[in-house]
């Protein structure tokens, strides 16, 4: 199923992929959806399949589920964007520069539709000399580290990133000092 998933995501030779999709059984559609969930590409798969206009007897339930998962991810990405802007403003006010990394950067700088990017946390790069202060600010802002922070005598330059911080809305942030 991974090969078919990759062929769907590539977006090339869509006519041949559409024929292969139309021939899938209900259990094969389920396997395709499960593979997309595992690989965190559900939203992108929905976009690609919707663009193909698949009309297959066994596809309806999976397409409905894909659409619902895409919509939920798009809403989550809006909430993450709002949280990123809020945290960035707080850090800026405190004089701590930051750069969004990985999914947070890609979603809003590369993707035409940020809802197509799935991610579970916000990865933020801060200068090593500001790492511990940024952690204190996140804590004051309502975030709690999921595990213990490194001891204070460990230089921030030796820390790749701190354990994830999470708030009451279950937003996770990882503060990176190095990449």
Foldseek 3Di string as FASTA:
>chain_A
DVVLLVVLLVLPPLVVSLVVVQPDALVVLVVSCVVCVVVVQLLSSLVSVVVSVRDHPNCVVSNVVSVVLLVVLLVVLVVQVVVVVVLCVLCVVVVWHKDWDDLNCCLPPPDPRSSRGDDQAIEIETAQVCQVVSVVSVVVVAWDFPDDFPDPPPRSVPFQWTGWIAGPVGHTYIYGNHD
